[in-house]
């Protein structure tokens, strides 16, 4: 595995005040510059949570980045989701629903992964520049944070079930253990997660597939019997269009998983002619490629639910711990319970470290814009895990289909609006060709993405609550996707793209280096007196000099005075070497 090699600075977040009156959480230094608290100043802890990931930090190979990103999809909620879909809708409807959702998620994930890896930015920064505006993406930060703590709660519930069955620990206590055990790993961000994910991945893969191999050898007829599984479906195992829509809606709740994938892909090295093939392989496999394994796990969960339904009943057949205890009994009966408990715990640690990590990034973005304060990413780990713990104690696992079915309407409206900007608006030159994420250059709200998402999610939620009948309810996520992708280019035409860029980039230092890639040249921020790479810096008339993107976000006294100048849609691209 490639270790990170880089300098201790620049700090990835700031916390303090300036002589100009900006209050970011602490008093200014003796020279009036913004100061940093220890958590926000430590790159290893902070992981550039609110800004562009600089070249000096992106020292991992494409393989390590991709492996770390894929390690985060070791979650077992896919097994629970697949089991629930099959139990509710029968075999045929479940298979079509799972595969349909997988195709949608894969296709929408390609442009998001590419642009994130290309511009070295996370999902929030990408959303800002893809038609939402600086404050418009605040709402999507909450949507994304909701995804992370909902799935943290679902995964934690699965782990607690394993602790109860394997170690006889009461569920309420198990929920607490499942929350606390994640904190040490997530605090140290990508540096710790990359090591953990790389070394545990082979063990996890072997244990995941072992029951299926054993059943295929000992009871091959079970796979053909599975095609007749009816579950609780009123139409039996045959296909039902209502069942397909309802099942796909649940599976589509995972569309926001692409945000967690790009939280890692932003650390990809620059794409060059020398690493081009490896770069693309890593981006496609760790970006949209996650859903290939995800769909396979859902189908596996549906099969195991069928396999154990006769022994544990349909009510418990979607619990991964029950599925794997029965699966391991086919070849390791004496240690099946212990092996299943270990597998579930390993899986949940791998995914919930990612959920907590990505949630901390989202909350950091959300609160920094609303409060103009940033105490550091680490603080928001505790917030995200605390919300998830409350959901676990409230029994969220028992409402799996309902929670995910509703959430998918909002998530897919957001993703649809972002994708429409990337694959329709940009090629048609309805929006800038690059991604601008800095507050200094963005309007607060852009109706292209923000308006499209609001309208699409509102209509789809109305459909989910039966405003358009049974089929409207079943296919409400597809309504959200269709409306978002139609409204985005429509609004871009109507507004003539004037809400994308608020002012030109007028720093003399070029964005691109001689190699056509983002410049690694550094400029000193006049507010925090720290050096940052050129893509993360803007000119600030209020402070009469260069300002880093985070200090710009935390400034509350300028009232966006810099945006009163000329607006230009056609600015130089941040990266041209494709």
Protein backbone atom coordinates (compact mmCIF):
# COMPACT_ATOMS: atom_id res chain seq x y z
CA UNK A 1 0.00 0.00 0.00
CA UNK A 2 1.22 3.51 -0.78
CA UNK A 3 1.76 5.66 2.26
CA UNK A 4 1.03 9.35 2.21
CA UNK A 5 4.08 11.52 1.79
CA UNK A 6 3.52 15.19 2.30
CA UNK A 7 4.02 18.21 4.46
CA UNK A 8 2.13 18.84 7.68
CA UNK A 9 0.69 22.09 6.33
CA UNK A 10 -1.42 23.58 4.85
CA UNK A 11 -4.12 23.10 7.42
CA UNK A 12 -7.38 21.89 5.96
CA UNK A 13 -9.69 24.07 7.98
CA UNK A 14 -9.57 27.25 9.94
CA UNK A 15 -11.07 28.35 13.16
CA UNK A 16 -10.67 31.80 14.55
CA UNK A 17 -11.16 35.49 13.96
CA UNK A 18 -9.44 38.23 12.01
CA UNK A 19 -8.73 41.83 12.59
CA UNK A 20 -11.57 42.58 10.15
CA UNK A 21 -14.15 41.17 12.53
CA UNK A 22 -14.64 37.67 11.13
CA UNK A 23 -15.45 35.19 13.90
CA UNK A 24 -14.82 31.57 13.08
CA UNK A 25 -14.82 30.23 16.59
CA UNK A 26 -11.73 31.50 18.40
CA UNK A 27 -9.92 34.75 18.96
CA UNK A 28 -7.56 35.97 16.28
CA UNK A 29 -3.84 35.64 16.66
CA UNK A 30 -1.60 38.39 17.93
CA UNK A 31 -1.16 39.70 14.41
CA UNK A 32 -4.91 39.78 13.75
CA UNK A 33 -4.81 36.70 11.51
CA UNK A 34 -7.30 33.89 11.78
CA UNK A 35 -6.03 31.10 14.01
CA UNK A 36 -6.65 27.37 13.90
CA UNK A 37 -7.64 25.00 16.66
CA UNK A 38 -5.69 21.75 16.93
CA UNK A 39 -8.35 19.53 15.33
CA UNK A 40 -8.93 21.79 12.33
CA UNK A 41 -5.19 22.39 11.82
CA UNK A 42 -4.25 18.71 11.57
CA UNK A 43 -4.43 17.51 7.94
CA UNK A 44 -4.61 13.88 9.03
CA UNK A 45 -7.75 14.59 11.05
CA UNK A 46 -9.32 17.18 8.79
CA UNK A 47 -8.82 15.57 5.35
CA UNK A 48 -9.54 18.85 3.53
CA UNK A 49 -13.18 18.51 4.48
CA UNK A 50 -14.29 21.87 3.06
CA UNK A 51 -11.94 22.45 0.19
CA UNK A 52 -10.08 21.27 -2.87
CA UNK A 53 -7.77 18.32 -2.16
CA UNK A 54 -4.29 19.62 -3.10
CA UNK A 55 -1.59 17.76 -5.00
CA UNK A 56 0.62 17.77 -1.93
CA UNK A 57 -1.90 15.54 -0.15
CA UNK A 58 -2.98 13.30 -3.05
CA UNK A 59 -0.06 10.86 -2.92
CA UNK A 60 -2.00 7.58 -3.10
CA UNK A 61 -1.97 5.44 -6.24
CA UNK A 62 -5.23 4.91 -8.18
CA UNK A 63 -5.27 1.34 -6.87
CA UNK A 64 -5.14 2.36 -3.21
CA UNK A 65 -7.80 5.03 -3.67
CA UNK A 66 -10.10 2.61 -5.50
CA UNK A 67 -9.56 -0.17 -2.96
CA UNK A 68 -10.31 2.19 -0.09
CA UNK A 69 -13.47 3.42 -1.81
CA UNK A 70 -14.67 -0.09 -2.59
CA UNK A 71 -13.88 -1.23 0.95
CA UNK A 72 -16.62 1.09 2.10
CA UNK A 73 -19.31 -0.88 0.27
CA UNK A 74 -18.87 -3.92 2.49
CA UNK A 75 -22.18 -3.07 4.11
CA UNK A 76 -24.79 -5.77 4.70
CA UNK A 77 -27.78 -3.47 4.27
CA UNK A 78 -27.79 -4.69 0.67
CA UNK A 79 -28.60 -8.18 1.92
CA UNK A 80 -31.38 -6.80 4.10
CA UNK A 81 -32.71 -4.64 1.26
CA UNK A 82 -32.65 -7.49 -1.25
CA UNK A 83 -34.33 -9.80 1.24
CA UNK A 84 -37.02 -7.24 2.02
CA UNK A 85 -37.73 -6.57 -1.66
CA UNK A 86 -38.04 -10.30 -2.42
CA UNK A 87 -40.23 -10.97 0.62
CA UNK A 88 -42.55 -8.08 -0.24
CA UNK A 89 -42.74 -8.53 -4.01
CA UNK A 90 -41.70 -12.06 -4.94
CA UNK A 91 -38.81 -13.33 -7.05
CA UNK A 92 -39.52 -11.92 -10.53
CA UNK A 93 -40.49 -8.42 -9.42
CA UNK A 94 -37.52 -8.28 -7.05
CA UNK A 95 -34.99 -9.23 -9.73
CA UNK A 96 -36.30 -6.69 -12.25
CA UNK A 97 -36.47 -4.00 -9.55
CA UNK A 98 -32.90 -4.60 -8.34
CA UNK A 99 -31.41 -4.66 -11.84
CA UNK A 100 -33.37 -1.60 -13.01
CA UNK A 101 -32.19 0.41 -10.03
CA UNK A 102 -28.61 -0.78 -10.59
CA UNK A 103 -28.61 0.45 -14.19
CA UNK A 104 -29.91 3.87 -13.15
CA UNK A 105 -27.37 4.17 -10.34
CA UNK A 106 -24.47 3.07 -12.58
CA UNK A 107 -25.28 5.53 -15.36
CA UNK A 108 -25.79 8.49 -13.05
CA UNK A 109 -22.60 7.64 -11.17
CA UNK A 110 -20.28 7.90 -14.18
CA UNK A 111 -20.28 11.70 -14.68
CA UNK A 112 -20.29 12.41 -10.94
CA UNK A 113 -17.25 10.20 -10.38
CA UNK A 114 -15.39 11.63 -13.35
CA UNK A 115 -15.86 15.28 -12.41
CA UNK A 116 -15.06 14.68 -8.75
CA UNK A 117 -11.83 12.84 -9.55
CA UNK A 118 -10.92 15.35 -12.23
CA UNK A 119 -11.35 18.44 -10.06
CA UNK A 120 -10.40 16.82 -6.70
CA UNK A 121 -13.58 17.90 -4.91
CA UNK A 122 -16.21 16.13 -2.85
CA UNK A 123 -19.93 15.82 -3.56
CA UNK A 124 -20.87 19.08 -1.87
CA UNK A 125 -18.36 21.16 -3.80
CA UNK A 126 -19.38 19.41 -7.01
CA UNK A 127 -23.05 20.18 -6.34
CA UNK A 128 -22.28 23.86 -5.75
CA UNK A 129 -20.85 24.25 -9.23
CA UNK A 130 -23.31 21.92 -10.98
CA UNK A 131 -26.26 24.27 -10.88
CA UNK A 132 -27.05 24.76 -7.19
CA UNK A 133 -25.02 27.77 -6.09
CA UNK A 134 -23.08 28.35 -2.89
CA UNK A 135 -26.02 28.30 -0.46
CA UNK A 136 -28.28 26.22 -2.69
CA UNK A 137 -26.12 23.19 -2.04
CA UNK A 138 -26.63 23.62 1.70
CA UNK A 139 -29.88 21.69 1.43
CA UNK A 140 -28.16 18.88 -0.44
CA UNK A 141 -25.58 18.66 2.35
CA UNK A 142 -28.43 17.80 4.70
CA UNK A 143 -29.83 15.29 2.19
CA UNK A 144 -26.43 13.64 1.94
CA UNK A 145 -25.84 13.75 5.69
CA UNK A 146 -29.26 12.10 6.12
CA UNK A 147 -28.13 9.28 3.84
CA UNK A 148 -25.04 8.69 5.95
CA UNK A 149 -26.79 8.58 9.31
CA UNK A 150 -29.79 6.58 8.02
CA UNK A 151 -27.49 3.90 6.68
CA UNK A 152 -25.21 4.12 9.70
CA UNK A 153 -28.30 3.33 11.77
CA UNK A 154 -29.35 0.45 9.51
CA UNK A 155 -25.85 -1.03 9.47
CA UNK A 156 -25.45 -0.51 13.21
CA UNK A 157 -28.76 -2.28 13.77
CA UNK A 158 -27.51 -5.25 11.75
CA UNK A 159 -24.32 -5.34 13.82
CA UNK A 160 -26.31 -5.11 17.06
CA UNK A 161 -28.43 -8.06 15.91
CA UNK A 162 -25.22 -10.04 15.50
CA UNK A 163 -24.02 -9.04 18.97
CA UNK A 164 -27.36 -10.09 20.44
CA UNK A 165 -27.43 -13.46 18.71
CA UNK A 166 -23.72 -14.26 18.98
CA UNK A 167 -22.74 -12.67 22.31
CA UNK A 168 -26.15 -12.23 24.00
CA UNK A 169 -25.69 -8.46 24.30
CA UNK A 170 -29.06 -6.62 24.57
CA UNK A 171 -29.92 -4.60 21.49
CA UNK A 172 -29.94 -1.25 23.29
CA UNK A 173 -26.40 -1.85 24.58
CA UNK A 174 -25.35 -3.24 21.22
CA UNK A 175 -26.44 -0.03 19.47
CA UNK A 176 -24.17 1.97 21.75
CA UNK A 177 -21.22 -0.37 21.20
CA UNK A 178 -21.73 -0.26 17.43
CA UNK A 179 -21.57 3.52 17.54
CA UNK A 180 -18.57 3.96 19.82
CA UNK A 181 -16.40 1.37 18.07
CA UNK A 182 -16.40 3.43 14.86
CA UNK A 183 -15.12 6.70 16.32
CA UNK A 184 -11.36 5.94 16.61
CA UNK A 185 -11.13 4.89 12.97
CA UNK A 186 -13.02 7.83 11.52
CA UNK A 187 -11.16 10.48 13.47
CA UNK A 188 -8.02 9.87 11.42
CA UNK A 189 -9.79 10.06 8.07
CA UNK A 190 -8.33 8.75 4.82
CA UNK A 191 -4.95 7.95 6.36
CA UNK A 192 -6.41 5.34 8.74
CA UNK A 193 -9.30 4.22 6.54
CA UNK A 194 -7.06 3.38 3.58
CA UNK A 195 -5.03 0.97 5.71
CA UNK A 196 -8.06 -0.67 7.32
CA UNK A 197 -9.98 -1.13 4.06
CA UNK A 198 -7.04 -2.51 2.08
CA UNK A 199 -6.06 -5.16 4.65
CA UNK A 200 -9.57 -6.35 5.54
CA UNK A 201 -10.97 -6.56 1.99
CA UNK A 202 -9.71 -10.08 1.06
CA UNK A 203 -11.03 -11.61 4.29
CA UNK A 204 -14.40 -9.94 3.81
CA UNK A 205 -14.73 -11.12 0.19
CA UNK A 206 -13.97 -14.75 1.04
CA UNK A 207 -16.48 -14.84 3.89
CA UNK A 208 -19.16 -13.11 1.82
CA UNK A 209 -19.16 -15.63 -1.04
CA UNK A 210 -18.43 -18.78 1.00
CA UNK A 211 -22.08 -19.66 1.84
CA UNK A 212 -23.14 -19.34 -1.80
CA UNK A 213 -20.33 -21.62 -2.98
CA UNK A 214 -21.19 -24.16 -0.29
CA UNK A 215 -24.91 -24.17 -1.15
CA UNK A 216 -24.10 -24.45 -4.87
CA UNK A 217 -22.02 -27.57 -4.17
CA UNK A 218 -24.32 -29.23 -1.62
CA UNK A 219 -27.80 -28.06 -2.65
CA UNK A 220 -27.65 -26.78 -6.24
CA UNK A 221 -31.41 -27.26 -6.65
CA UNK A 222 -32.07 -24.39 -4.23
CA UNK A 223 -31.19 -21.86 -6.90
CA UNK A 224 -33.92 -23.10 -9.23
CA UNK A 225 -36.38 -23.25 -6.33
CA UNK A 226 -35.56 -19.63 -5.60
CA UNK A 227 -37.19 -18.57 -8.89
CA UNK A 228 -40.55 -19.65 -7.44
CA UNK A 229 -40.20 -17.70 -4.19
CA UNK A 230 -43.37 -15.69 -3.56
CA UNK A 231 -42.71 -14.20 -0.12
CA UNK A 232 -45.68 -12.08 0.94
CA UNK A 233 -46.42 -10.86 -2.58
CA UNK A 234 -50.11 -10.93 -3.54
CA UNK A 235 -49.08 -11.85 -7.10
CA UNK A 236 -46.77 -14.67 -6.02
CA UNK A 237 -43.42 -15.14 -7.76
CA UNK A 238 -44.65 -13.70 -11.07
CA UNK A 239 -43.78 -10.21 -12.18
CA UNK A 240 -45.91 -7.26 -11.06
CA UNK A 241 -45.32 -3.74 -12.37
CA UNK A 242 -46.38 -2.31 -9.02
CA UNK A 243 -43.93 -4.64 -7.31
CA UNK A 244 -41.14 -3.65 -9.67
CA UNK A 245 -41.71 0.04 -9.01
CA UNK A 246 -41.94 -0.36 -5.25
CA UNK A 247 -38.84 -2.55 -5.11
CA UNK A 248 -36.82 -0.29 -7.38
CA UNK A 249 -37.79 2.68 -5.21
CA UNK A 250 -36.25 1.01 -2.17
CA UNK A 251 -33.09 0.05 -4.09
CA UNK A 252 -32.78 3.56 -5.55
CA UNK A 253 -32.38 5.00 -2.06
CA UNK A 254 -28.78 3.86 -2.47
CA UNK A 255 -28.20 6.32 -5.30
CA UNK A 256 -26.63 8.76 -2.83
CA UNK A 257 -23.92 6.16 -2.16
CA UNK A 258 -22.04 7.77 -5.03
CA UNK A 259 -21.35 10.65 -2.65
CA UNK A 260 -19.42 8.36 -0.34
CA UNK A 261 -17.49 6.96 -3.28
CA UNK A 262 -16.37 10.38 -4.47
CA UNK A 263 -15.37 11.35 -0.94
CA UNK A 264 -12.48 8.98 -1.68
CA UNK A 265 -12.16 9.58 -5.43
CA UNK A 266 -11.30 13.24 -4.78
CA UNK A 267 -7.92 11.95 -3.60
CA UNK A 268 -7.11 10.45 -7.01
CA UNK A 269 -3.82 11.64 -8.49
CA UNK A 270 -4.01 13.88 -11.55
CA UNK A 271 -4.82 12.03 -14.74
CA UNK A 272 -1.81 11.95 -17.07
CA UNK A 273 -0.97 10.11 -20.30
CA UNK A 274 1.16 7.72 -18.23
CA UNK A 275 -1.54 6.73 -15.72
CA UNK A 276 -4.61 7.26 -17.92
CA UNK A 277 -5.76 3.63 -18.12
CA UNK A 278 -5.24 2.97 -14.41
CA UNK A 279 -6.95 6.29 -13.59
CA UNK A 280 -10.05 5.42 -15.60
CA UNK A 281 -10.15 1.87 -14.25
CA UNK A 282 -10.04 3.17 -10.68
CA UNK A 283 -12.66 5.87 -11.28
CA UNK A 284 -15.14 3.54 -13.00
CA UNK A 285 -14.68 0.62 -10.62
CA UNK A 286 -14.72 2.62 -7.39
CA UNK A 287 -17.28 5.15 -8.62
CA UNK A 288 -20.32 3.74 -10.47
CA UNK A 289 -18.82 0.26 -10.26
CA UNK A 290 -19.81 -0.06 -6.61
CA UNK A 291 -23.38 -0.85 -7.69
CA UNK A 292 -22.30 -3.98 -9.56
CA UNK A 293 -21.29 -5.60 -6.29
CA UNK A 294 -24.20 -3.85 -4.57
CA UNK A 295 -26.79 -5.39 -6.89
CA UNK A 296 -25.11 -8.80 -6.55
CA UNK A 297 -25.38 -8.51 -2.77
CA UNK A 298 -29.06 -7.56 -3.00
CA UNK A 299 -29.75 -10.61 -5.15
CA UNK A 300 -27.72 -12.66 -2.69
CA UNK A 301 -29.77 -11.29 0.18
CA UNK A 302 -32.99 -12.17 -1.66
CA UNK A 303 -31.72 -15.73 -2.18
CA UNK A 304 -30.64 -16.18 1.45
CA UNK A 305 -33.99 -14.81 2.64
CA UNK A 306 -35.67 -17.53 0.58
CA UNK A 307 -33.16 -20.13 1.79
CA UNK A 308 -33.82 -19.52 5.50
CA UNK A 309 -37.49 -18.47 5.39
CA UNK A 310 -38.66 -21.96 6.24
CA UNK A 311 -36.51 -22.16 9.37
CA UNK A 312 -36.62 -18.63 10.81
CA UNK A 313 -39.80 -17.26 9.26
CA UNK A 314 -40.29 -14.38 6.82
CA UNK A 315 -40.17 -11.79 9.62
CA UNK A 316 -36.48 -12.53 10.32
CA UNK A 317 -35.43 -13.78 6.89
CA UNK A 318 -34.08 -10.37 5.87
CA UNK A 319 -31.71 -10.12 8.85
CA UNK A 320 -28.13 -10.65 7.56
CA UNK A 321 -26.99 -12.33 10.78
CA UNK A 322 -29.69 -14.97 10.39
CA UNK A 323 -28.82 -15.38 6.71
CA UNK A 324 -25.13 -15.94 7.36
CA UNK A 325 -25.53 -18.19 10.38
CA UNK A 326 -27.57 -20.54 8.18
CA UNK A 327 -25.15 -20.09 5.28
CA UNK A 328 -22.07 -20.92 7.34
CA UNK A 329 -23.81 -23.95 8.85
CA UNK A 330 -23.64 -25.59 5.42
CA UNK A 331 -19.88 -26.04 5.75
CA UNK A 332 -18.79 -24.95 9.25
CA UNK A 333 -21.68 -25.84 11.54
CA UNK A 334 -19.70 -26.00 14.83
CA UNK A 335 -18.44 -22.42 14.44
CA UNK A 336 -21.20 -20.99 12.24
CA UNK A 337 -22.53 -18.58 14.83
CA UNK A 338 -19.10 -17.24 15.76
CA UNK A 339 -18.03 -16.96 12.14
CA UNK A 340 -21.23 -15.15 11.18
CA UNK A 341 -20.88 -12.77 14.12
CA UNK A 342 -17.29 -11.97 13.13
CA UNK A 343 -18.29 -11.42 9.49
CA UNK A 344 -21.14 -9.08 10.33
CA UNK A 345 -19.00 -7.06 12.76
CA UNK A 346 -16.19 -6.76 10.20
CA UNK A 347 -18.61 -5.69 7.48
CA UNK A 348 -20.29 -3.09 9.64
CA UNK A 349 -17.03 -1.58 10.84
CA UNK A 350 -15.90 -1.22 7.23
CA UNK A 351 -19.04 0.55 6.06
CA UNK A 352 -19.94 2.58 9.13
CA UNK A 353 -16.48 4.09 9.24
CA UNK A 354 -17.29 5.38 5.73
CA UNK A 355 -20.78 6.54 6.75
CA UNK A 356 -19.43 8.46 9.73
CA UNK A 357 -16.56 9.90 7.69
CA UNK A 358 -18.77 11.12 4.84
CA UNK A 359 -21.36 12.45 7.28
CA UNK A 360 -18.70 14.55 8.99
CA UNK A 361 -17.82 16.11 5.63
CA UNK A 362 -21.46 16.97 4.92
CA UNK A 363 -22.15 18.50 8.31
CA UNK A 364 -18.91 20.50 8.08
CA UNK A 365 -20.06 22.01 4.79
CA UNK A 366 -23.54 22.68 6.10
CA UNK A 367 -22.61 24.44 9.33
CA UNK A 368 -19.66 26.38 7.95
CA UNK A 369 -21.97 28.16 5.52
CA UNK A 370 -24.80 28.80 7.97
CA UNK A 371 -22.75 29.79 11.02
CA UNK A 372 -19.44 31.00 9.46
CA UNK A 373 -17.66 28.82 12.02
CA UNK A 374 -15.66 25.64 11.62
CA UNK A 375 -14.38 23.85 14.72
CA UNK A 376 -13.05 20.98 12.59
CA UNK A 377 -14.45 17.89 10.87
CA UNK A 378 -13.94 15.74 13.95
CA UNK A 379 -16.66 17.58 15.88
CA UNK A 380 -19.27 16.56 13.33
CA UNK A 381 -18.36 12.89 13.55
CA UNK A 382 -19.93 12.89 16.99
CA UNK A 383 -23.04 14.69 15.70
CA UNK A 384 -23.56 12.22 12.85
CA UNK A 385 -22.99 9.15 15.01
CA UNK A 386 -25.25 10.58 17.71
CA UNK A 387 -28.16 11.00 15.30
CA UNK A 388 -27.63 7.48 13.98
CA UNK A 389 -27.61 6.10 17.53
CA UNK A 390 -30.95 7.78 18.22
CA UNK A 391 -32.41 6.19 15.08
CA UNK A 392 -31.13 2.78 16.11
CA UNK A 393 -32.66 3.07 19.56
CA UNK A 394 -35.91 4.12 17.83
CA UNK A 395 -36.03 0.87 15.85
CA UNK A 396 -35.32 2.19 12.34
CA UNK A 397 -34.58 -1.32 11.00
CA UNK A 398 -38.21 -2.30 11.47
CA UNK A 399 -39.26 0.42 9.00
CA UNK A 400 -36.62 -0.39 6.39
CA UNK A 401 -38.74 -0.26 3.23
CA UNK A 402 -40.75 2.78 4.32
CA UNK A 403 -37.74 4.87 5.31
CA UNK A 404 -35.73 4.04 2.18
CA UNK A 405 -38.70 4.33 -0.18
CA UNK A 406 -39.43 7.86 1.01
CA UNK A 407 -35.79 8.95 1.08
CA UNK A 408 -35.17 7.81 -2.49
CA UNK A 409 -37.52 10.50 -3.83
CA UNK A 410 -35.40 13.33 -2.46
CA UNK A 411 -32.03 11.72 -3.14
CA UNK A 412 -32.74 10.92 -6.77
CA UNK A 413 -34.08 14.44 -7.44
CA UNK A 414 -30.76 15.83 -6.20
CA UNK A 415 -28.59 13.37 -8.13
CA UNK A 416 -30.72 13.79 -11.25
CA UNK A 417 -30.29 17.57 -11.22
CA UNK A 418 -26.50 17.29 -10.80
CA UNK A 419 -26.18 14.69 -13.56
CA UNK A 420 -28.34 16.75 -15.94
CA UNK A 421 -25.96 19.68 -15.55
CA UNK A 422 -22.89 17.51 -16.15
CA UNK A 423 -24.14 15.51 -19.15
CA UNK A 424 -26.63 17.91 -20.80
CA UNK A 425 -25.98 21.52 -19.80
CA UNK A 426 -22.19 21.46 -20.06
CA UNK A 427 -21.95 19.75 -23.48
CA UNK A 428 -24.61 22.17 -24.80
CA UNK A 429 -22.67 25.10 -23.28
CA UNK A 430 -25.64 26.05 -21.13
CA UNK A 431 -23.31 26.04 -18.12
CA UNK A 432 -19.54 26.55 -17.65
CA UNK A 433 -17.36 23.69 -18.84
CA UNK A 434 -15.62 23.40 -15.47
CA UNK A 435 -16.71 23.11 -11.82
CA UNK A 436 -16.48 26.30 -9.79
CA UNK A 437 -16.83 25.68 -6.05
CA UNK A 438 -15.52 28.82 -4.34
CA UNK A 439 -17.94 31.17 -2.63
CA UNK A 440 -16.10 34.16 -4.10
CA UNK A 441 -17.15 33.17 -7.63
CA UNK A 442 -20.65 31.72 -7.08
CA UNK A 443 -24.13 33.12 -6.71
CA UNK A 444 -25.83 32.03 -3.50
CA UNK A 445 -28.63 30.27 -5.37
CA UNK A 446 -28.83 28.92 -8.89
CA UNK A 447 -32.39 28.02 -9.97
CA UNK A 448 -31.09 25.57 -12.57
CA UNK A 449 -30.16 22.81 -10.14
CA UNK A 450 -31.70 24.02 -6.91
CA UNK A 451 -35.09 24.79 -8.48
CA UNK A 452 -35.12 21.55 -10.47
CA UNK A 453 -34.45 19.51 -7.35
CA UNK A 454 -37.13 21.25 -5.28
CA UNK A 455 -39.83 20.82 -7.92
CA UNK A 456 -38.87 17.23 -8.78
CA UNK A 457 -38.72 16.12 -5.15
CA UNK A 458 -41.99 17.89 -4.25
CA UNK A 459 -43.90 16.22 -7.11
CA UNK A 460 -42.37 12.80 -6.43
CA UNK A 461 -43.10 13.00 -2.69
CA UNK A 462 -46.71 13.91 -3.52
CA UNK A 463 -46.79 10.86 -5.78
CA UNK A 464 -45.30 8.73 -2.99
CA UNK A 465 -48.24 9.73 -0.80
CA UNK A 466 -50.75 8.55 -3.43
CA UNK A 467 -51.47 11.88 -5.14
CA UNK A 468 -51.29 10.12 -8.53
CA UNK A 469 -52.58 6.68 -7.64
CA UNK A 470 -50.89 3.34 -6.99
CA UNK A 471 -48.56 3.47 -9.97
CA UNK A 472 -47.53 7.04 -9.19
CA UNK A 473 -46.59 5.91 -5.69
CA UNK A 474 -44.66 2.88 -6.93
CA UNK A 475 -42.70 4.86 -9.52
CA UNK A 476 -42.31 8.12 -7.62
CA UNK A 477 -38.45 8.00 -7.69
CA UNK A 478 -38.53 7.72 -11.49
CA UNK A 479 -40.82 10.75 -11.59
CA UNK A 480 -38.21 12.63 -9.56
CA UNK A 481 -35.39 11.58 -11.90
CA UNK A 482 -37.31 12.47 -15.06
CA UNK A 483 -38.41 15.89 -13.82
CA UNK A 484 -34.95 16.82 -12.50
CA UNK A 485 -33.24 15.94 -15.77
CA UNK A 486 -35.82 17.78 -17.88
CA UNK A 487 -36.11 20.89 -15.71
CA UNK A 488 -32.37 21.48 -15.33
CA UNK A 489 -31.62 22.22 -19.02
CA UNK A 490 -34.96 24.03 -19.32
CA UNK A 491 -34.07 26.40 -16.48
CA UNK A 492 -30.54 26.80 -17.88
CA UNK A 493 -32.03 28.01 -21.15
CA UNK A 494 -34.56 30.28 -19.45
CA UNK A 495 -31.94 31.89 -17.19
CA UNK A 496 -29.28 31.93 -19.94
CA UNK A 497 -26.82 30.45 -17.45
CA UNK A 498 -26.33 33.76 -15.68
CA UNK A 499 -26.65 32.29 -12.17
CA UNK A 500 -23.62 30.00 -12.44
CA UNK A 501 -20.74 32.47 -12.13
CA UNK A 502 -20.97 35.66 -10.05
CA UNK A 503 -17.55 37.12 -10.91
CA UNK A 504 -14.45 36.34 -12.91
CA UNK A 505 -11.34 34.76 -11.47
CA UNK A 506 -8.99 37.75 -11.51
CA UNK A 507 -5.89 36.41 -9.77
CA UNK A 508 -2.76 36.85 -11.88
CA UNK A 509 -1.37 33.40 -11.01
CA UNK A 510 -2.76 30.99 -13.69
CA UNK A 511 -4.99 28.10 -12.68
CA UNK A 512 -3.10 25.69 -14.91
CA UNK A 513 0.54 24.73 -14.81
CA UNK A 514 2.78 24.21 -17.83
CA UNK A 515 1.63 20.56 -18.01
CA UNK A 516 -2.02 21.61 -18.43
CA UNK A 517 -2.93 20.27 -14.99
CA UNK A 518 -4.01 22.31 -11.94
CA UNK A 519 -1.19 24.52 -10.80
CA UNK A 520 0.66 23.36 -7.69
CA UNK A 521 1.91 26.90 -7.13
CA UNK A 522 0.92 28.23 -3.72
CA UNK A 523 -0.42 31.60 -2.66
CA UNK A 524 -0.54 32.94 0.87
CA UNK A 525 -3.99 33.58 2.26
CA UNK A 526 -4.17 37.13 3.64
CA UNK A 527 -6.61 36.02 6.35
CA UNK A 528 -4.91 32.97 7.90
CA UNK A 529 -1.38 33.57 6.55
CA UNK A 530 -1.13 30.00 5.25
CA UNK A 531 -0.07 28.81 1.80
CA UNK A 532 -2.63 27.06 -0.39
CA UNK A 533 -2.49 25.70 -3.91
CA UNK A 534 -3.82 27.95 -6.66
CA UNK A 535 -7.17 26.16 -7.35
CA UNK A 536 -8.17 26.74 -3.72
CA UNK A 537 -7.56 30.50 -3.72
CA UNK A 538 -9.50 33.56 -4.93
CA UNK A 539 -8.89 37.28 -4.97
CA UNK A 540 -10.59 39.11 -2.08
CA UNK A 541 -11.17 42.88 -2.44
CA UNK A 542 -12.50 43.01 1.13
CA UNK A 543 -9.18 41.76 2.53
CA UNK A 544 -7.11 43.27 -0.30
CA UNK A 545 -5.38 40.06 -1.32
CA UNK A 546 -5.64 36.35 -1.94
CA UNK A 547 -7.98 34.33 0.27
CA UNK A 548 -8.31 30.56 0.67
CA UNK A 549 -11.71 28.99 0.03
CA UNK A 550 -12.38 28.18 3.69
CA UNK A 551 -11.51 31.61 5.04
CA UNK A 552 -13.80 32.97 2.33
CA UNK A 553 -16.59 30.67 3.53
CA UNK A 554 -16.11 31.75 7.13
CA UNK A 555 -16.10 35.50 6.38
CA UNK A 556 -19.39 37.04 7.54
CA UNK A 557 -18.67 40.77 7.32
CA UNK A 558 -17.94 41.18 3.61
CA UNK A 559 -21.59 40.66 2.54
CA UNK A 560 -20.35 39.29 -0.80
CA UNK A 561 -19.13 42.73 -1.86
CA UNK A 562 -16.71 41.12 -4.30
CA UNK A 563 -19.54 39.94 -6.52
CA UNK A 564 -20.57 43.38 -7.75
CA UNK A 565 -18.11 43.28 -10.64
CA UNK A 566 -18.44 41.85 -14.18
CA UNK A 567 -19.72 38.34 -14.75
CA UNK A 568 -18.19 35.97 -17.27
CA UNK A 569 -19.50 32.56 -18.24
CA UNK A 570 -16.49 31.51 -20.30
CA UNK A 571 -13.61 31.14 -17.84
CA UNK A 572 -10.49 28.99 -18.26
CA UNK A 573 -10.99 25.35 -17.40
CA UNK A 574 -9.30 24.12 -14.25
CA UNK A 575 -7.94 21.08 -16.01
CA UNK A 576 -7.44 20.47 -19.70
CA UNK A 577 -5.39 17.27 -19.84
CA UNK A 578 -8.08 14.68 -20.63
